[in-house]
Each structure stands twice: as C-alpha cells, then as structure tokens.
N, C-alpha and C. Protein backbone atom coordinates (compact mmCIF):
# COMPACT_ATOMS: atom_id res chain seq x y z
N GLN A 1 24.49 -0.59 -0.76
CA GLN A 1 25.53 -1.76 -0.18
C GLN A 1 24.95 -2.90 0.10
N TYR A 2 25.24 -4.14 -0.26
CA TYR A 2 24.40 -5.23 0.03
C TYR A 2 25.74 -6.37 0.85
N ASP A 3 26.83 -5.75 1.58
CA ASP A 3 27.54 -6.39 2.44
C ASP A 3 27.30 -6.85 3.53
N SER A 4 26.51 -5.73 4.50
CA SER A 4 26.05 -5.74 5.64
C SER A 4 25.05 -7.40 6.01
N GLU A 5 25.20 -7.46 7.22
CA GLU A 5 24.31 -8.99 7.35
C GLU A 5 22.62 -8.55 7.02
N GLU A 6 22.70 -7.07 7.73
CA GLU A 6 21.08 -6.86 7.54
C GLU A 6 20.47 -6.83 6.25
N GLU A 7 21.60 -6.28 5.47
CA GLU A 7 21.05 -6.13 3.89
C GLU A 7 20.74 -7.44 3.37
N LYS A 8 21.66 -8.40 3.78
CA LYS A 8 21.75 -10.05 3.40
C LYS A 8 20.23 -10.57 3.56
N LYS A 9 19.94 -10.23 5.02
CA LYS A 9 18.68 -10.56 5.42
C LYS A 9 17.49 -10.10 4.75
N PHE A 10 17.72 -8.59 4.14
CA PHE A 10 16.47 -8.03 3.55
C PHE A 10 16.49 -8.86 2.32
N ILE A 11 17.39 -9.12 1.58
CA ILE A 11 17.49 -9.59 -0.13
C ILE A 11 16.99 -11.14 0.33
N LEU A 12 17.33 -11.86 1.10
CA LEU A 12 16.69 -13.24 1.52
C LEU A 12 15.20 -13.42 1.82
N LEU A 13 14.74 -12.44 2.38
CA LEU A 13 13.40 -12.22 2.89
C LEU A 13 12.48 -11.80 1.64
N ILE A 14 13.21 -10.83 0.79
CA ILE A 14 12.34 -10.45 -0.44
C ILE A 14 12.23 -11.84 -1.22
N ILE A 15 13.47 -12.48 -1.58
CA ILE A 15 13.36 -13.61 -2.40
C ILE A 15 12.35 -14.73 -1.75
N GLN A 16 12.48 -14.49 -0.57
CA GLN A 16 11.42 -15.94 0.13
C GLN A 16 9.71 -15.17 0.20
N GLY A 17 9.85 -14.07 0.38
CA GLY A 17 8.25 -13.29 0.28
C GLY A 17 7.74 -13.50 -1.30
N ALA A 18 8.72 -13.56 -2.35
CA ALA A 18 8.18 -13.47 -3.47
C ALA A 18 7.31 -14.79 -4.12
N VAL A 19 7.98 -16.00 -3.33
CA VAL A 19 7.68 -17.17 -3.89
C VAL A 19 6.83 -17.89 -3.19
N CYS A 20 6.69 -17.39 -1.96
CA CYS A 20 5.84 -18.03 -1.01
C CYS A 20 4.36 -17.43 -0.73
N HIS A 21 3.38 -18.41 0.16
CA HIS A 21 2.08 -17.91 -0.11
C HIS A 21 1.59 -18.09 1.44
N ASP A 22 0.34 -17.93 1.47
CA ASP A 22 -0.64 -17.90 2.78
C ASP A 22 0.00 -17.16 3.76
N THR A 23 -0.35 -17.62 5.01
CA THR A 23 0.28 -16.74 6.50
C THR A 23 1.75 -16.40 6.05
N ASN A 24 2.61 -17.29 5.69
CA ASN A 24 3.97 -17.03 5.54
C ASN A 24 4.44 -15.68 4.70
N LEU A 25 3.75 -15.45 3.81
CA LEU A 25 3.69 -13.99 2.92
C LEU A 25 3.46 -13.01 3.78
N LEU A 26 2.59 -12.91 4.41
CA LEU A 26 2.26 -11.79 5.55
C LEU A 26 3.14 -11.72 6.91
N LEU A 27 3.50 -12.66 6.97
CA LEU A 27 4.81 -12.68 8.10
C LEU A 27 5.96 -11.99 7.51
N ILE A 28 6.47 -12.60 6.20
CA ILE A 28 7.62 -12.19 5.46
C ILE A 28 7.32 -10.49 5.37
N ASN A 29 6.40 -10.19 4.83
CA ASN A 29 5.96 -8.95 4.35
C ASN A 29 6.18 -7.92 5.68
N ASN A 30 5.53 -8.28 6.64
CA ASN A 30 5.45 -7.56 7.84
C ASN A 30 7.05 -7.41 8.47
N SER A 31 7.85 -8.31 8.49
CA SER A 31 9.20 -8.52 8.96
C SER A 31 10.12 -7.51 8.22
N LEU A 32 9.72 -7.34 6.70
CA LEU A 32 10.38 -6.69 5.78
C LEU A 32 9.82 -5.04 6.04
N ASN A 33 8.44 -5.06 6.16
CA ASN A 33 7.86 -3.51 6.84
C ASN A 33 8.61 -3.01 8.10
N GLU A 34 8.69 -3.81 8.88
CA GLU A 34 9.22 -3.52 10.19
C GLU A 34 10.63 -2.99 10.07
N TYR A 35 11.42 -3.80 9.30
CA TYR A 35 12.86 -3.42 8.92
C TYR A 35 13.19 -2.07 8.54
N MET A 36 12.28 -2.07 7.51
CA MET A 36 12.36 -0.43 6.85
C MET A 36 11.75 0.61 7.57
N GLU A 37 10.95 0.39 8.54
CA GLU A 37 10.39 1.32 9.51
C GLU A 37 11.57 1.57 10.43
N ASN A 38 12.12 0.43 11.16
CA ASN A 38 13.15 0.67 12.07
C ASN A 38 14.61 0.60 11.93
N ASP A 39 14.90 0.05 10.52
CA ASP A 39 16.13 -0.03 9.97
C ASP A 39 16.83 -1.11 10.73
N CYS A 40 16.19 -2.13 11.32
CA CYS A 40 16.81 -3.31 11.68
C CYS A 40 16.02 -4.20 12.14
N PHE A 41 16.27 -5.65 11.92
CA PHE A 41 15.53 -6.63 12.29
C PHE A 41 15.69 -6.83 13.65
N SER A 42 14.80 -8.16 14.09
CA SER A 42 14.95 -8.60 15.32
C SER A 42 15.98 -9.42 15.73
N LYS A 43 16.64 -9.09 16.92
CA LYS A 43 18.01 -9.93 17.04
C LYS A 43 17.90 -11.18 16.85
N GLU A 44 16.60 -12.04 17.43
CA GLU A 44 16.49 -13.49 17.18
C GLU A 44 16.70 -13.99 15.84
N MET A 45 16.80 -13.35 15.05
CA MET A 45 16.84 -14.01 13.31
C MET A 45 18.15 -13.42 12.94
N SER A 46 18.75 -14.82 12.80
CA SER A 46 20.22 -14.94 12.37
C SER A 46 20.17 -15.00 10.86
N LEU A 47 21.46 -14.80 10.24
CA LEU A 47 21.46 -15.02 8.64
C LEU A 47 21.46 -16.33 8.37
N ASP A 48 21.98 -17.25 9.17
CA ASP A 48 21.73 -18.67 8.99
C ASP A 48 20.61 -19.05 8.84
N GLU A 49 19.60 -18.62 9.79
CA GLU A 49 18.16 -18.93 9.79
C GLU A 49 17.57 -18.46 8.54
N CYS A 50 17.91 -17.21 8.26
CA CYS A 50 17.37 -16.66 6.98
C CYS A 50 17.92 -17.34 5.77
N ILE A 51 18.86 -17.96 5.62
CA ILE A 51 19.46 -18.40 4.55
C ILE A 51 18.63 -19.71 4.28
N LYS A 52 18.49 -20.60 5.48
CA LYS A 52 18.09 -21.69 5.54
C LYS A 52 16.40 -21.63 5.18
N LYS A 53 15.81 -20.73 5.58
CA LYS A 53 14.31 -20.26 5.28
C LYS A 53 14.28 -20.19 3.87
N ALA A 54 15.09 -19.00 3.36
CA ALA A 54 14.92 -19.05 1.91
C ALA A 54 15.01 -20.27 0.95
N ALA A 55 16.03 -21.05 1.51
CA ALA A 55 16.41 -22.13 0.47
C ALA A 55 15.23 -23.07 0.71
N ALA A 56 14.65 -23.32 1.92
CA ALA A 56 13.63 -24.37 1.92
C ALA A 56 12.42 -23.55 0.99
N THR A 57 11.79 -22.45 1.02
CA THR A 57 11.22 -22.17 0.45
C THR A 57 11.28 -22.09 -1.21
N LEU A 58 12.21 -21.70 -1.54
CA LEU A 58 12.54 -21.85 -2.65
C LEU A 58 12.92 -23.24 -3.43
N SER A 59 13.20 -24.13 -2.89
CA SER A 59 13.18 -25.53 -3.06
C SER A 59 11.81 -26.20 -3.19
N LYS A 60 11.05 -25.63 -2.23
CA LYS A 60 9.51 -26.36 -2.04
C LYS A 60 8.76 -25.97 -3.32
N GLU A 61 8.84 -24.74 -3.45
CA GLU A 61 8.08 -24.41 -4.80
C GLU A 61 8.56 -24.68 -6.09
N LEU A 62 9.95 -24.78 -6.20
CA LEU A 62 10.40 -24.91 -7.62
C LEU A 62 10.68 -26.62 -7.79
N LEU A 63 10.61 -27.47 -6.79
CA LEU A 63 10.87 -28.72 -6.87
C LEU A 63 10.15 -29.43 -7.82
N TYR A 64 8.65 -29.06 -7.62
CA TYR A 64 7.62 -29.67 -8.52
C TYR A 64 7.76 -29.50 -9.97
N MET A 65 8.15 -27.93 -10.37
CA MET A 65 8.24 -27.52 -11.62
C MET A 65 9.52 -28.15 -12.09
N LYS A 66 10.63 -27.97 -11.36
CA LYS A 66 11.82 -29.22 -12.20
C LYS A 66 11.53 -30.53 -12.20
N PHE A 67 10.69 -31.30 -11.58
CA PHE A 67 10.51 -32.43 -11.98
C PHE A 67 9.43 -32.36 -13.03
N LEU A 68 8.55 -31.54 -13.54
CA LEU A 68 7.86 -31.54 -14.69
C LEU A 68 8.64 -31.14 -16.04
N GLN A 69 9.96 -30.22 -15.76
CA GLN A 69 10.72 -29.92 -16.88
C GLN A 69 11.46 -31.19 -17.22
N GLY A 70 11.58 -32.38 -16.62
CA GLY A 70 12.07 -33.74 -17.19
C GLY A 70 11.28 -34.55 -18.03
N ILE A 71 9.98 -34.31 -17.85
CA ILE A 71 9.01 -34.90 -18.87
C ILE A 71 9.05 -33.98 -20.16
N PRO A 72 9.23 -34.65 -21.54
CA PRO A 72 9.63 -34.07 -22.42
C PRO A 72 8.61 -32.83 -22.93
N VAL A 73 7.28 -33.40 -23.21
CA VAL A 73 6.17 -32.59 -23.31
C VAL A 73 5.66 -31.58 -22.68
N VAL A 74 5.82 -31.83 -21.56
CA VAL A 74 5.57 -30.87 -20.02
C VAL A 74 6.37 -30.12 -19.59
N GLY A 75 7.83 -30.70 -19.98
CA GLY A 75 8.93 -29.78 -19.60
C GLY A 75 9.15 -28.24 -20.45
N ALA A 76 8.60 -28.01 -21.39
CA ALA A 76 8.45 -26.85 -22.16
C ALA A 76 7.73 -26.03 -21.30
N VAL A 77 6.53 -26.34 -20.99
CA VAL A 77 5.62 -25.73 -20.10
C VAL A 77 6.09 -25.26 -18.78
N GLY A 78 6.80 -26.42 -18.42
CA GLY A 78 7.57 -26.03 -16.94
C GLY A 78 8.30 -24.94 -17.10
N GLY A 79 9.02 -24.89 -18.10
CA GLY A 79 10.39 -23.93 -18.36
C GLY A 79 9.89 -22.47 -18.27
N VAL A 80 8.47 -22.27 -18.48
CA VAL A 80 7.80 -21.21 -18.67
C VAL A 80 7.83 -20.64 -16.96
N PHE A 81 7.57 -21.34 -16.27
CA PHE A 81 7.60 -21.11 -14.74
C PHE A 81 8.63 -20.69 -13.99
N ASN A 82 9.90 -21.03 -14.61
CA ASN A 82 11.15 -20.18 -14.35
C ASN A 82 10.92 -18.80 -14.66
N GLY A 83 10.78 -18.50 -15.63
CA GLY A 83 10.36 -16.84 -15.89
C GLY A 83 9.67 -16.17 -15.23
N MET A 84 8.47 -17.04 -14.76
CA MET A 84 7.23 -16.51 -14.04
C MET A 84 8.06 -16.17 -12.56
N TYR A 85 8.75 -17.07 -11.85
CA TYR A 85 9.51 -16.94 -10.68
C TYR A 85 10.40 -15.76 -10.69
N ILE A 86 11.25 -15.52 -11.94
CA ILE A 86 11.80 -14.69 -11.70
C ILE A 86 11.38 -13.21 -11.87
N ARG A 87 10.41 -13.45 -12.59
CA ARG A 87 9.57 -12.25 -12.73
C ARG A 87 8.88 -11.59 -11.33
N ASN A 88 8.28 -12.65 -10.78
CA ASN A 88 7.43 -12.15 -9.40
C ASN A 88 8.62 -11.77 -8.52
N ILE A 89 9.85 -12.37 -8.52
CA ILE A 89 10.61 -11.90 -7.25
C ILE A 89 11.34 -10.63 -7.60
N THR A 90 11.57 -10.54 -8.90
CA THR A 90 11.97 -8.72 -9.51
C THR A 90 10.84 -7.85 -9.08
N LYS A 91 9.26 -8.36 -9.27
CA LYS A 91 8.29 -7.18 -9.03
C LYS A 91 8.17 -7.05 -7.64
N TYR A 92 8.47 -7.91 -6.85
CA TYR A 92 8.26 -7.93 -5.31
C TYR A 92 9.49 -6.98 -4.78
N ALA A 93 10.81 -7.48 -5.31
CA ALA A 93 12.10 -6.63 -4.94
C ALA A 93 11.91 -5.01 -5.22
N GLU A 94 11.48 -5.00 -6.48
CA GLU A 94 11.00 -3.31 -6.80
C GLU A 94 10.30 -2.67 -5.67
N MET A 95 9.29 -3.52 -5.43
CA MET A 95 8.15 -2.92 -4.63
C MET A 95 8.53 -2.30 -3.16
N LYS A 96 9.58 -3.19 -2.83
CA LYS A 96 10.02 -3.40 -1.50
C LYS A 96 11.27 -2.08 -1.25
N TYR A 97 12.00 -2.07 -2.44
CA TYR A 97 13.13 -1.25 -2.46
C TYR A 97 12.54 0.15 -2.48
N ARG A 98 11.38 0.26 -3.42
CA ARG A 98 10.65 1.56 -3.61
C ARG A 98 10.11 2.00 -2.22
N ARG A 99 9.63 1.29 -1.53
CA ARG A 99 9.14 1.45 -0.09
C ARG A 99 10.07 1.63 0.96
N ARG A 100 11.35 1.11 0.75
CA ARG A 100 12.48 1.56 1.56
C ARG A 100 12.91 2.88 1.35
N PHE A 101 12.90 3.13 0.05
CA PHE A 101 13.54 4.78 -0.51
C PHE A 101 12.81 5.60 0.00
N TYR A 102 11.09 5.66 0.00
CA TYR A 102 10.30 6.33 0.40
C TYR A 102 10.19 6.55 2.19
N GLU A 103 10.53 5.53 2.56
CA GLU A 103 10.43 5.64 4.18
C GLU A 103 11.67 6.16 4.47
N LYS A 104 12.81 6.18 3.97
CA LYS A 104 14.23 6.74 4.07
C LYS A 104 13.97 8.09 3.92
N ARG A 105 13.19 8.69 3.04
CA ARG A 105 12.87 10.06 2.59
C ARG A 105 12.21 10.75 3.40
N LYS A 106 11.34 10.38 4.35
CA LYS A 106 10.21 10.80 5.23
C LYS A 106 10.84 11.53 6.19
C-alpha cells in the first residue's frame, strides 16, 4: 500500500536519499532506518515538508545536467546521467524495501 501518509514519506525520503550526498545522506538514511524499526516517523516531519525537500534535492542535482543537455555535443553525455539517477534511485529503493521486509519478519 502506498496510500498512507507514512508510506508517501518513506518513498519521498528514498528518492531524496538516492540523489543526495554528504551529511544529508546520513540524516535521510537514519530517518529511514528509524522508520523501519519503529514503523513511524517523527511527528514534526510533515508530508508537505518531505515533498518540498525531495523536490529541492532533485532540482538541485538535476538542474546542472539538464543545462548540459541543451548543448548539442555535450547533451548526449548529459542524457546518460538520467539513466544513472534512475538506476541509483532503483537500487537504493530496493535496498531499503528489502531491509524493511527483513525488519518486519523479525
């Protein structure tokens, strides 16, 4: 089920975590792990806040690549990065969903 607010937050954090770097990745990863262990997020994290943060992270990461795609020769190389981002999101999501599955089986 992906209708609940908690699941939507989980999905948004997965997307955000797959494309961010540095300490933000650690914070997001810890939030996801806490959710999987406790089956709930902290009350101060609203769905709107998650949407805004995920959108900001994605736009920050992808803006430069989209600019490169506008340049004819370099654009082809920039197009390859779209596939890389999708692959990173898919791999990170698979890892987190597997961990959640194993956490629930304990």
